[in-house]
Each structure stands twice: as structure tokens, then as C-alpha cells.
Amino acid sequence: MAYFRAKLRFEIDVMDVADAPEGTFVLVDTRRQSSWEHGHIPGAVHIPTADIPSCAHELIPPGVSVVVYSWGPGCNGSTVAALAFADLGYPVREMIGGIEYWARNGLPVETVAGVAAGKPDGLVTAHPD
């Protein structure tokens, strides 16, 4: 039980992120610039993992809760980014599934062309088509 309680203190599901009241946390995309331009979650702040130690305090006030994401479950980039934020003293959680599962749930993604949501993948979401 202790393991699972501890795990839930540091992880958050994409649907919980999507449903969270505005201002609950700052959502941070930790991928490189080309990935950000390919598509990101609307309203996210872009801080590539390597830049977190030098830029985080300029963009996010100390003590503010942070949720980080990267590509998806096959990438540990958000884990590395979460550690960087934790090292700076931020309360931080990792969005499990990354932007891959955000998009697969039919949630909006922003690109230079604008914001669009795809059709939810029935294997990963309980949302109706």
C-alpha cells in the first residue's frame, strides 16, 4: 500500500491533468524544440530538460506545483525532467503517458496551424466517440 500511495504522489494521469482546475499547476513540456513545434498541449510552458536548471526559476515561481511531460511511455525524458525540478525544490509530478496518450485520448494539441483534437482511441480512453 505504501508503495502505491507514494507512486501516486509523483505521477498523474493525462485525464486528471486535462480535468484539473486552471491554476492547479504549471504544465511543462520538456521535449526539444522540434518536438514542441511538432505539437504540444495548449497552455503548456516549454522548457527542454537540459534547460530546467538554468531557466525554471525565470519562468516558474519557486514553490509552484509543476507537472512535466515528454513524448510517451517509451521515453523517460519526463522522469529526468521531474528530477531536475525536484532538485530545484519544486513540488513536481510526472504526467504518465506523455503527449502520446494525451493525443490518443482525443485531447487538443497545438501546432503552428492551430489547436485541434483528434478522434479518441478506444483502447486508451473511455470517452465516447
Protein backbone atom coordinates (compact mmCIF):
# COMPACT_ATOMS: atom_id res chain seq x y z
CA MET A 1 0.00 0.00 0.00
CA ALA A 2 2.76 2.44 0.89
CA TYR A 3 4.41 1.93 -2.49
CA PHE A 4 1.26 2.78 -4.44
CA ARG A 5 0.46 5.80 -2.26
CA ALA A 6 3.96 7.09 -2.79
CA LYS A 7 3.77 6.45 -6.53
CA LEU A 8 0.55 8.46 -6.83
CA ARG A 9 2.24 11.43 -5.14
CA PHE A 10 4.63 11.65 -8.08
CA GLU A 11 2.52 10.63 -11.09
CA ILE A 12 -0.63 12.00 -12.68
CA ASP A 13 -2.78 10.59 -15.48
CA VAL A 14 -3.44 12.60 -18.66
CA MET A 15 -7.17 12.76 -17.94
CA ASP A 16 -6.50 14.10 -14.44
CA VAL A 17 -4.29 16.78 -15.99
CA ALA A 18 -7.00 17.63 -18.53
CA ASP A 19 -9.68 17.81 -15.83
CA ALA A 20 -7.63 19.79 -13.27
CA PRO A 21 -8.88 23.27 -12.40
CA GLU A 22 -6.86 26.05 -14.03
CA GLY A 23 -4.03 27.27 -11.82
CA THR A 24 -3.57 23.93 -10.02
CA PHE A 25 -0.08 23.54 -11.51
CA VAL A 26 2.15 24.69 -14.34
CA LEU A 27 2.28 22.13 -17.14
CA VAL A 28 5.76 21.86 -18.66
CA ASP A 29 6.67 20.24 -21.96
CA THR A 30 10.25 19.05 -21.53
CA ARG A 31 10.95 17.90 -25.09
CA ARG A 32 13.35 19.52 -27.53
CA GLN A 33 12.30 22.45 -29.73
CA SER A 34 11.49 20.39 -32.82
CA SER A 35 9.15 18.16 -30.82
CA TRP A 36 7.44 21.22 -29.27
CA GLU A 37 6.87 22.64 -32.76
CA HIS A 38 5.51 19.30 -33.96
CA GLY A 39 2.73 19.62 -31.37
CA HIS A 40 2.24 20.36 -27.69
CA ILE A 41 -0.50 20.67 -25.09
CA PRO A 42 -2.17 24.10 -25.27
CA GLY A 43 -1.16 26.27 -22.34
CA ALA A 44 1.98 24.27 -21.57
CA VAL A 45 5.27 26.04 -20.89
CA HIS A 46 8.21 24.81 -22.95
CA ILE A 47 11.41 24.13 -21.03
CA PRO A 48 13.63 21.44 -22.55
CA THR A 49 15.03 19.16 -19.87
CA ALA A 50 18.61 20.40 -20.30
CA ASP A 51 17.45 23.99 -19.68
CA ILE A 52 15.48 23.35 -16.48
CA PRO A 53 18.36 24.09 -14.06
CA SER A 54 19.08 27.46 -15.69
CA CYS A 55 15.58 28.59 -16.76
CA ALA A 56 12.99 27.19 -14.37
CA HIS A 57 13.20 30.00 -11.80
CA GLU A 58 12.87 32.63 -14.56
CA LEU A 59 9.65 31.07 -15.90
CA ILE A 60 8.01 29.43 -12.86
CA PRO A 61 7.93 30.97 -9.40
CA PRO A 62 9.61 28.85 -6.71
CA GLY A 63 7.22 26.60 -4.82
CA VAL A 64 4.62 26.43 -7.61
CA SER A 65 3.46 22.89 -8.39
CA VAL A 66 4.73 21.56 -11.71
CA VAL A 67 3.57 18.70 -13.93
CA VAL A 68 6.06 17.60 -16.58
CA TYR A 69 5.56 15.58 -19.72
CA SER A 70 7.59 14.33 -22.65
CA TRP A 71 6.76 12.03 -25.52
CA GLY A 72 5.21 8.89 -24.03
CA PRO A 73 5.66 5.69 -22.10
CA GLY A 74 8.65 4.64 -24.21
CA CYS A 75 10.60 7.71 -23.10
CA ASN A 76 11.99 8.57 -19.67
CA GLY A 77 12.52 12.24 -20.52
CA SER A 78 9.79 13.40 -18.15
CA THR A 79 11.35 11.37 -15.33
CA VAL A 80 14.69 13.12 -15.88
CA ALA A 81 12.88 16.48 -16.05
CA ALA A 82 10.91 15.75 -12.87
CA LEU A 83 14.17 15.01 -11.08
CA ALA A 84 15.61 18.34 -12.30
CA PHE A 85 12.58 20.23 -10.95
CA ALA A 86 12.72 18.29 -7.67
CA ASP A 87 16.43 19.18 -7.35
CA LEU A 88 15.37 22.84 -7.56
CA GLY A 89 12.81 22.34 -4.80
CA TYR A 90 9.62 22.36 -6.88
CA PRO A 91 6.73 20.08 -6.00
CA VAL A 92 6.57 18.04 -9.21
CA ARG A 93 4.58 15.22 -10.76
CA GLU A 94 5.13 13.31 -13.98
CA MET A 95 2.25 13.02 -16.45
CA ILE A 96 2.27 9.34 -17.31
CA GLY A 97 1.63 8.54 -20.94
CA GLY A 98 3.07 11.85 -22.15
CA ILE A 99 1.73 13.73 -25.12
CA GLU A 100 1.25 10.42 -26.93
CA TYR A 101 -1.55 9.39 -24.58
CA TRP A 102 -2.85 12.96 -24.39
CA ALA A 103 -3.42 12.88 -28.16
CA ARG A 104 -4.66 9.27 -28.12
CA ASN A 105 -7.34 10.37 -25.64
CA GLY A 106 -8.57 12.88 -28.22
CA LEU A 107 -7.39 15.88 -26.22
CA PRO A 108 -6.33 19.08 -28.02
CA VAL A 109 -2.83 19.52 -29.42
CA GLU A 110 -1.43 22.86 -30.57
CA THR A 111 0.76 23.29 -33.65
CA VAL A 112 1.65 26.28 -35.82
CA ALA A 113 -1.60 25.54 -37.71
CA GLY A 114 -3.66 26.00 -34.53
CA VAL A 115 -5.31 23.79 -31.94
CA ALA A 116 -7.01 20.55 -32.96
CA ALA A 117 -8.21 17.41 -31.24
CA GLY A 118 -8.17 14.02 -32.88
CA LYS A 119 -10.56 11.14 -32.51
CA PRO A 120 -10.12 9.30 -29.19
CA ASP A 121 -8.51 5.87 -29.42
CA GLY A 122 -10.96 3.40 -27.87
CA LEU A 123 -8.09 1.33 -26.47
CA VAL A 124 -6.92 4.13 -24.18
CA THR A 125 -9.99 6.16 -23.32
CA ALA A 126 -13.49 5.61 -22.05
CA HIS A 127 -14.73 8.76 -23.77
CA PRO A 128 -17.48 8.18 -26.31
CA ASP A 129 -16.63 8.64 -29.98
